[in-house]
């Protein structure tokens, strides 16, 4: 299963030990070495700077299972309380960060199915109702069903079924807030219109992922989708093409009963040269992509040439890895 567990460690960041097995050469003489030693004994060397992160509070959920998804609601006003949701076990839990530093539970959405039939949630994502402005929360997991919750009514208001198996990640379009993306174990990525309840497009097939798709993200302008999966590959899909523009427009029409889902078989960019193991997280950072694989390396890279906005083929510019 390609789901991702959330680290429950403290908020302090520990720096790596600079002493390693690398061989090095020095041009310091023996006299200089003695002088350096004397200076150290006098305490003239400065201590390393302290990381300015402090753990203020934490929450442990009583189901005793992993939390696979955590997401803040970024659609709230700046002066509103900070709200976030977690996905794990058969629950999606919504929390509020209080000014005192405490964390309180607002509500819990739980799958009532008994025993082995219960859902196991892997991911959640926030949007809002355009007519009322009220927040909505989408969640999905092992069963492959997308559930949409209303925080105003505390009910599940919609369900979407289409994937053949588990859904690993959900993301809302940054500009078209009715458009929801789901990333699945069935190798595909799907786009849904929550206003018209239509399946807009399926990304995958001939040149799509050859194994479980784990993570995907929209670019800030909403034109590109980058995805990663168990096949070690990273792919970029163009949803700003004329075909996809038409699909997004036509699928939003409430009276369009004959809308036909678009099948996109070919990404505009694909590479397996960045990671040697499965990719479990990808995010756009401006024109760059940050991708993480299970070998615990995060790579910042750019598709195409470093000074060009063109994306095609498999050319990459690798800039940094940590």
Protein backbone atom coordinates (compact mmCIF):
# COMPACT_ATOMS: atom_id res chain seq x y z
CA UNK A 1 0.00 0.00 0.00
CA UNK A 2 1.46 3.34 -0.99
CA UNK A 3 -0.04 5.47 1.71
CA UNK A 4 2.08 7.80 3.74
CA UNK A 5 2.31 7.96 7.53
CA UNK A 6 2.59 11.30 9.32
CA UNK A 7 5.58 11.71 11.60
CA UNK A 8 4.51 12.12 15.23
CA UNK A 9 7.87 13.39 16.44
CA UNK A 10 8.53 16.69 18.17
CA UNK A 11 8.67 19.97 16.29
CA UNK A 12 12.39 20.47 16.92
CA UNK A 13 14.66 20.05 13.93
CA UNK A 14 17.96 18.28 14.58
CA UNK A 15 20.90 19.10 12.33
CA UNK A 16 23.00 16.32 10.80
CA UNK A 17 26.34 15.49 12.37
CA UNK A 18 29.05 17.10 10.26
CA UNK A 19 31.53 14.34 11.12
CA UNK A 20 31.33 11.71 8.39
CA UNK A 21 33.50 9.06 6.80
CA UNK A 22 34.70 11.43 4.04
CA UNK A 23 38.49 11.80 3.67
CA UNK A 24 39.85 15.36 3.64
CA UNK A 25 43.17 17.17 3.34
CA UNK A 26 44.31 20.14 5.43
CA UNK A 27 46.92 22.84 4.80
CA UNK A 28 47.13 23.85 8.47
CA UNK A 29 50.60 23.44 9.98
CA UNK A 30 51.29 21.83 13.35
CA UNK A 31 51.84 25.24 14.94
CA UNK A 32 48.56 26.48 13.55
CA UNK A 33 46.87 23.39 14.94
CA UNK A 34 48.19 24.17 18.42
CA UNK A 35 46.95 27.73 18.11
CA UNK A 36 43.51 26.54 17.07
CA UNK A 37 43.46 24.20 20.06
CA UNK A 38 44.36 27.05 22.40
CA UNK A 39 41.59 29.23 21.00
CA UNK A 40 39.09 26.44 21.49
CA UNK A 41 40.16 25.96 25.11
CA UNK A 42 39.64 29.68 25.72
CA UNK A 43 36.06 29.26 24.57
CA UNK A 44 36.32 31.70 21.67
CA UNK A 45 34.44 29.43 19.24
CA UNK A 46 30.75 30.28 18.92
CA UNK A 47 28.14 27.66 19.74
CA UNK A 48 25.91 26.53 16.84
CA UNK A 49 22.76 28.61 16.41
CA UNK A 50 19.61 27.17 17.93
CA UNK A 51 16.69 26.22 15.74
CA UNK A 52 13.75 28.52 16.46
CA UNK A 53 11.05 25.84 16.50
CA UNK A 54 9.38 24.88 19.74
CA UNK A 55 6.78 22.16 20.22
CA UNK A 56 3.80 23.87 21.87
CA UNK A 57 1.20 21.10 21.94
CA UNK A 58 0.37 17.68 20.53
CA UNK A 59 -2.57 15.35 20.14
CA UNK A 60 -2.72 11.56 20.22
CA UNK A 61 -5.86 10.04 18.74
CA UNK A 62 -7.28 7.11 20.64
CA UNK A 63 -7.72 4.71 17.70
CA UNK A 64 -4.05 3.71 18.02
CA UNK A 65 -3.40 3.63 14.25
CA UNK A 66 -1.27 5.72 11.91
CA UNK A 67 -2.32 9.15 10.69
CA UNK A 68 -1.76 9.23 6.94
CA UNK A 69 -2.95 12.75 6.14
CA UNK A 70 -2.93 16.17 7.82
CA UNK A 71 -4.17 19.33 6.10
CA UNK A 72 -4.76 22.93 7.22
CA UNK A 73 -7.71 24.86 5.80
CA UNK A 74 -6.01 27.62 3.77
CA UNK A 75 -9.29 29.19 2.65
CA UNK A 76 -10.07 30.91 5.95
CA UNK A 77 -9.51 34.60 6.64
CA UNK A 78 -6.24 35.65 8.26
CA UNK A 79 -7.93 36.54 11.55
CA UNK A 80 -9.84 33.24 11.74
CA UNK A 81 -8.71 30.41 14.02
CA UNK A 82 -6.35 27.92 12.41
CA UNK A 83 -8.27 24.77 11.47
CA UNK A 84 -6.79 21.48 10.34
CA UNK A 85 -7.99 17.94 9.70
CA UNK A 86 -6.37 14.53 10.11
CA UNK A 87 -7.09 11.28 8.26
CA UNK A 88 -6.42 7.94 9.94
CA UNK A 89 -8.19 4.73 10.87
CA UNK A 90 -11.92 5.07 10.08
CA UNK A 91 -11.95 8.75 11.08
CA UNK A 92 -11.48 12.22 9.74
CA UNK A 93 -11.01 14.58 12.69
CA UNK A 94 -11.20 18.38 12.53
CA UNK A 95 -9.22 20.44 15.06
CA UNK A 96 -8.88 24.10 16.01
CA UNK A 97 -5.62 25.69 17.16
CA UNK A 98 -6.49 27.92 20.12
CA UNK A 99 -4.62 31.17 20.91
CA UNK A 100 -3.49 29.59 24.20
CA UNK A 101 -1.58 26.94 22.26
CA UNK A 102 -4.08 24.19 23.02
CA UNK A 103 -5.69 22.05 20.31
CA UNK A 104 -9.38 21.21 20.57
CA UNK A 105 -11.56 18.83 18.59
CA UNK A 106 -14.30 20.48 16.53
CA UNK A 107 -15.88 17.35 15.06
CA UNK A 108 -15.17 13.78 14.01
CA UNK A 109 -16.47 12.10 10.87
CA UNK A 110 -16.33 8.32 11.31
CA UNK A 111 -17.22 5.49 8.98
CA UNK A 112 -19.87 3.41 10.81
CA UNK A 113 -19.12 0.20 8.88
CA UNK A 114 -18.21 -2.61 11.28
CA UNK A 115 -14.90 -4.45 11.58
CA UNK A 116 -13.12 -5.36 8.34
CA UNK A 117 -15.66 -3.43 6.27
CA UNK A 118 -14.71 -0.09 7.83
CA UNK A 119 -12.94 2.54 5.77
CA UNK A 120 -9.32 3.46 6.47
CA UNK A 121 -8.79 7.10 5.50
CA UNK A 122 -5.49 8.07 3.86
CA UNK A 123 -6.00 11.66 2.76
CA UNK A 124 -8.14 14.78 3.09
CA UNK A 125 -8.42 18.16 1.33
CA UNK A 126 -10.22 21.46 1.97
CA UNK A 127 -12.36 23.69 -0.24
CA UNK A 128 -15.48 25.80 0.23
CA UNK A 129 -19.02 26.20 -1.07
CA UNK A 130 -19.03 29.13 -3.52
CA UNK A 131 -22.64 30.05 -2.69
CA UNK A 132 -22.38 30.04 1.10
CA UNK A 133 -18.63 30.36 1.66
CA UNK A 134 -18.79 27.52 4.18
CA UNK A 135 -15.87 25.07 4.33
CA UNK A 136 -16.15 21.58 2.91
CA UNK A 137 -13.78 18.68 3.49
CA UNK A 138 -13.13 15.79 1.10
CA UNK A 139 -11.60 12.53 2.32
CA UNK A 140 -10.79 9.12 0.86
CA UNK A 141 -8.81 5.97 1.54
CA UNK A 142 -8.70 2.21 1.25
CA UNK A 143 -12.22 1.73 -0.17
CA UNK A 144 -11.68 4.07 -3.12
CA UNK A 145 -14.72 6.21 -2.29
CA UNK A 146 -14.45 10.01 -2.06
CA UNK A 147 -16.61 11.43 0.72
CA UNK A 148 -17.40 15.14 0.96
CA UNK A 149 -18.30 16.54 4.39
CA UNK A 150 -19.96 19.80 5.32
CA UNK A 151 -18.71 21.39 8.54
CA UNK A 152 -21.87 23.49 8.72
CA UNK A 153 -24.24 20.50 8.83
CA UNK A 154 -21.69 17.99 10.20
CA UNK A 155 -22.85 15.51 7.54
CA UNK A 156 -21.51 13.67 4.52
CA UNK A 157 -23.13 15.51 1.62
CA UNK A 158 -21.64 13.69 -1.40
CA UNK A 159 -19.92 10.47 -2.43
CA UNK A 160 -17.91 9.79 -5.59
CA UNK A 161 -17.12 6.28 -6.82
CA UNK A 162 -14.90 5.61 -9.82
CA UNK A 163 -11.52 4.27 -8.80
CA UNK A 164 -11.17 0.53 -8.67
CA UNK A 165 -9.20 0.55 -5.44
CA UNK A 166 -7.58 2.77 -2.78
CA UNK A 167 -7.16 6.54 -3.13
CA UNK A 168 -3.82 7.82 -1.83
CA UNK A 169 -4.20 11.59 -2.19
CA UNK A 170 -6.77 14.33 -2.81
CA UNK A 171 -6.08 17.88 -3.98
CA UNK A 172 -8.36 20.76 -4.96
CA UNK A 173 -7.57 22.98 -7.93
CA UNK A 174 -6.03 26.28 -6.67
CA UNK A 175 -8.36 28.45 -8.81
CA UNK A 176 -11.33 26.25 -9.74
CA UNK A 177 -12.35 25.29 -6.23
CA UNK A 178 -15.07 22.90 -7.46
CA UNK A 179 -12.46 20.73 -9.21
CA UNK A 180 -11.08 17.88 -7.13
CA UNK A 181 -8.18 15.59 -8.07
CA UNK A 182 -7.85 12.03 -6.78
CA UNK A 183 -4.72 9.88 -7.03
CA UNK A 184 -5.21 6.14 -6.89
CA UNK A 185 -3.67 2.73 -6.49
CA UNK A 186 -5.37 1.82 -9.80
CA UNK A 187 -2.54 3.75 -11.60
CA UNK A 188 -4.82 6.66 -12.57
CA UNK A 189 -5.47 10.28 -11.62
CA UNK A 190 -9.01 11.57 -11.88
CA UNK A 191 -10.54 15.04 -11.96
CA UNK A 192 -14.04 15.60 -10.58
CA UNK A 193 -16.41 18.57 -10.73
CA UNK A 194 -18.20 18.76 -7.39
CA UNK A 195 -20.72 21.33 -8.60
CA UNK A 196 -22.08 19.18 -11.41
CA UNK A 197 -20.97 15.83 -9.90
CA UNK A 198 -19.26 14.82 -13.15
CA UNK A 199 -16.02 12.94 -13.74
CA UNK A 200 -14.09 15.45 -15.86
CA UNK A 201 -11.09 13.42 -16.95
CA UNK A 202 -8.95 10.36 -16.31
CA UNK A 203 -5.19 10.84 -16.58
CA UNK A 204 -3.44 7.55 -17.27
CA UNK A 205 -3.36 4.68 -19.67
CA UNK A 206 -0.89 4.20 -22.52
CA UNK A 207 1.92 6.38 -21.15
CA UNK A 208 0.58 6.88 -17.64
CA UNK A 209 1.90 5.38 -14.44
CA UNK A 210 2.74 1.66 -14.69
CA UNK A 211 2.08 1.06 -11.02
CA UNK A 212 0.30 2.68 -8.08
CA UNK A 213 0.03 6.49 -8.31
CA UNK A 214 0.79 7.87 -4.85
CA UNK A 215 1.00 11.67 -4.95
CA UNK A 216 0.12 14.59 -7.24
CA UNK A 217 -0.07 18.36 -7.03
CA UNK A 218 -1.45 21.29 -9.04
CA UNK A 219 0.87 24.11 -10.06
CA UNK A 220 -0.02 27.50 -8.58
CA UNK A 221 -1.63 28.71 -11.81
CA UNK A 222 -3.57 25.45 -12.11
CA UNK A 223 -2.23 24.54 -15.55
CA UNK A 224 0.04 21.63 -14.66
CA UNK A 225 -0.28 18.49 -12.57
CA UNK A 226 2.85 16.68 -11.41
CA UNK A 227 2.45 13.09 -10.23
CA UNK A 228 4.66 10.37 -8.76
CA UNK A 229 4.19 6.72 -7.97
CA UNK A 230 5.43 3.21 -7.30
CA UNK A 231 6.96 2.98 -10.79
CA UNK A 232 9.69 5.48 -9.69
CA UNK A 233 8.48 7.89 -12.37
CA UNK A 234 7.50 11.55 -12.25
CA UNK A 235 5.02 12.80 -14.82
CA UNK A 236 3.61 16.21 -15.71
CA UNK A 237 0.14 16.58 -17.22
CA UNK A 238 -1.11 19.66 -19.09
CA UNK A 239 -4.64 20.59 -18.06
CA UNK A 240 -4.31 23.97 -19.75
CA UNK A 241 -4.56 22.39 -23.21
CA UNK A 242 -7.51 23.21 -25.46
CA UNK A 243 -8.93 19.74 -24.86
CA UNK A 244 -8.81 20.11 -21.07
CA UNK A 245 -10.04 23.71 -21.09
CA UNK A 246 -13.10 22.53 -22.97
CA UNK A 247 -13.58 19.61 -20.60
CA UNK A 248 -13.38 21.82 -17.50
CA UNK A 249 -15.87 24.25 -19.03
CA UNK A 250 -18.36 21.67 -20.32
CA UNK A 251 -18.30 19.55 -17.16
CA UNK A 252 -19.31 22.56 -15.05
CA UNK A 253 -22.62 22.97 -16.89
CA UNK A 254 -25.42 21.64 -14.70
CA UNK A 255 -27.71 20.89 -17.65
CA UNK A 256 -25.10 19.00 -19.67
CA UNK A 257 -26.41 15.47 -19.27
CA UNK A 258 -24.41 14.12 -22.19
CA UNK A 259 -20.95 15.12 -21.00
CA UNK A 260 -18.34 12.49 -21.86
CA UNK A 261 -15.32 12.00 -19.60
CA UNK A 262 -12.02 12.89 -21.31
CA UNK A 263 -9.27 10.26 -21.37
CA UNK A 264 -5.71 11.66 -21.30
CA UNK A 265 -3.20 8.92 -22.08
CA UNK A 266 -0.03 10.95 -22.54
CA UNK A 267 1.70 13.32 -20.12
CA UNK A 268 3.76 16.17 -21.59
CA UNK A 269 6.75 15.19 -19.46
CA UNK A 270 8.00 11.95 -17.91
CA UNK A 271 11.22 10.89 -16.19
CA UNK A 272 12.65 8.13 -14.02
CA UNK A 273 16.06 9.76 -13.68
CA UNK A 274 15.46 11.58 -10.39
CA UNK A 275 14.65 8.79 -7.94
CA UNK A 276 15.61 5.12 -7.79
CA UNK A 277 12.71 4.11 -5.60
CA UNK A 278 9.02 4.84 -5.41
CA UNK A 279 7.98 8.49 -5.16
CA UNK A 280 5.59 9.13 -2.29
CA UNK A 281 5.29 12.94 -2.30
CA UNK A 282 5.47 15.68 -4.96
CA UNK A 283 4.84 19.43 -4.65
CA UNK A 284 5.18 22.42 -6.96
CA UNK A 285 7.31 25.30 -5.64
CA UNK A 286 6.91 28.01 -8.26
CA UNK A 287 8.34 26.60 -11.51
CA UNK A 288 10.26 23.94 -9.58
CA UNK A 289 9.15 20.58 -8.22
CA UNK A 290 10.10 19.10 -4.86
CA UNK A 291 9.82 15.33 -4.89
CA UNK A 292 10.49 12.77 -2.16
CA UNK A 293 11.12 9.07 -2.50
CA UNK A 294 11.24 6.37 0.16
CA UNK A 295 15.05 6.58 0.35
CA UNK A 296 14.52 9.73 2.47
CA UNK A 297 15.81 12.21 -0.08
CA UNK A 298 13.99 15.36 -1.18
CA UNK A 299 15.04 16.63 -4.60
CA UNK A 300 14.31 20.11 -5.93
CA UNK A 301 14.28 20.05 -9.72
CA UNK A 302 12.89 21.82 -12.75
CA UNK A 303 11.40 20.20 -15.83
CA UNK A 304 13.06 21.47 -19.00
CA UNK A 305 15.84 24.03 -19.04
CA UNK A 306 16.51 26.22 -16.01
CA UNK A 307 15.80 29.50 -17.87
CA UNK A 308 12.86 28.26 -19.90
CA UNK A 309 9.17 27.85 -19.08
CA UNK A 310 8.73 25.14 -21.72
CA UNK A 311 7.89 21.68 -20.42
CA UNK A 312 8.28 18.69 -22.70
CA UNK A 313 10.00 15.33 -23.09
CA UNK A 314 12.12 14.20 -20.16
CA UNK A 315 14.78 16.91 -19.84
CA UNK A 316 15.36 18.03 -16.23
CA UNK A 317 17.54 20.44 -14.31
CA UNK A 318 18.37 19.01 -10.88
CA UNK A 319 19.19 21.88 -8.51
CA UNK A 320 19.36 20.55 -4.97
CA UNK A 321 18.79 17.47 -2.84
CA UNK A 322 18.57 17.12 0.92
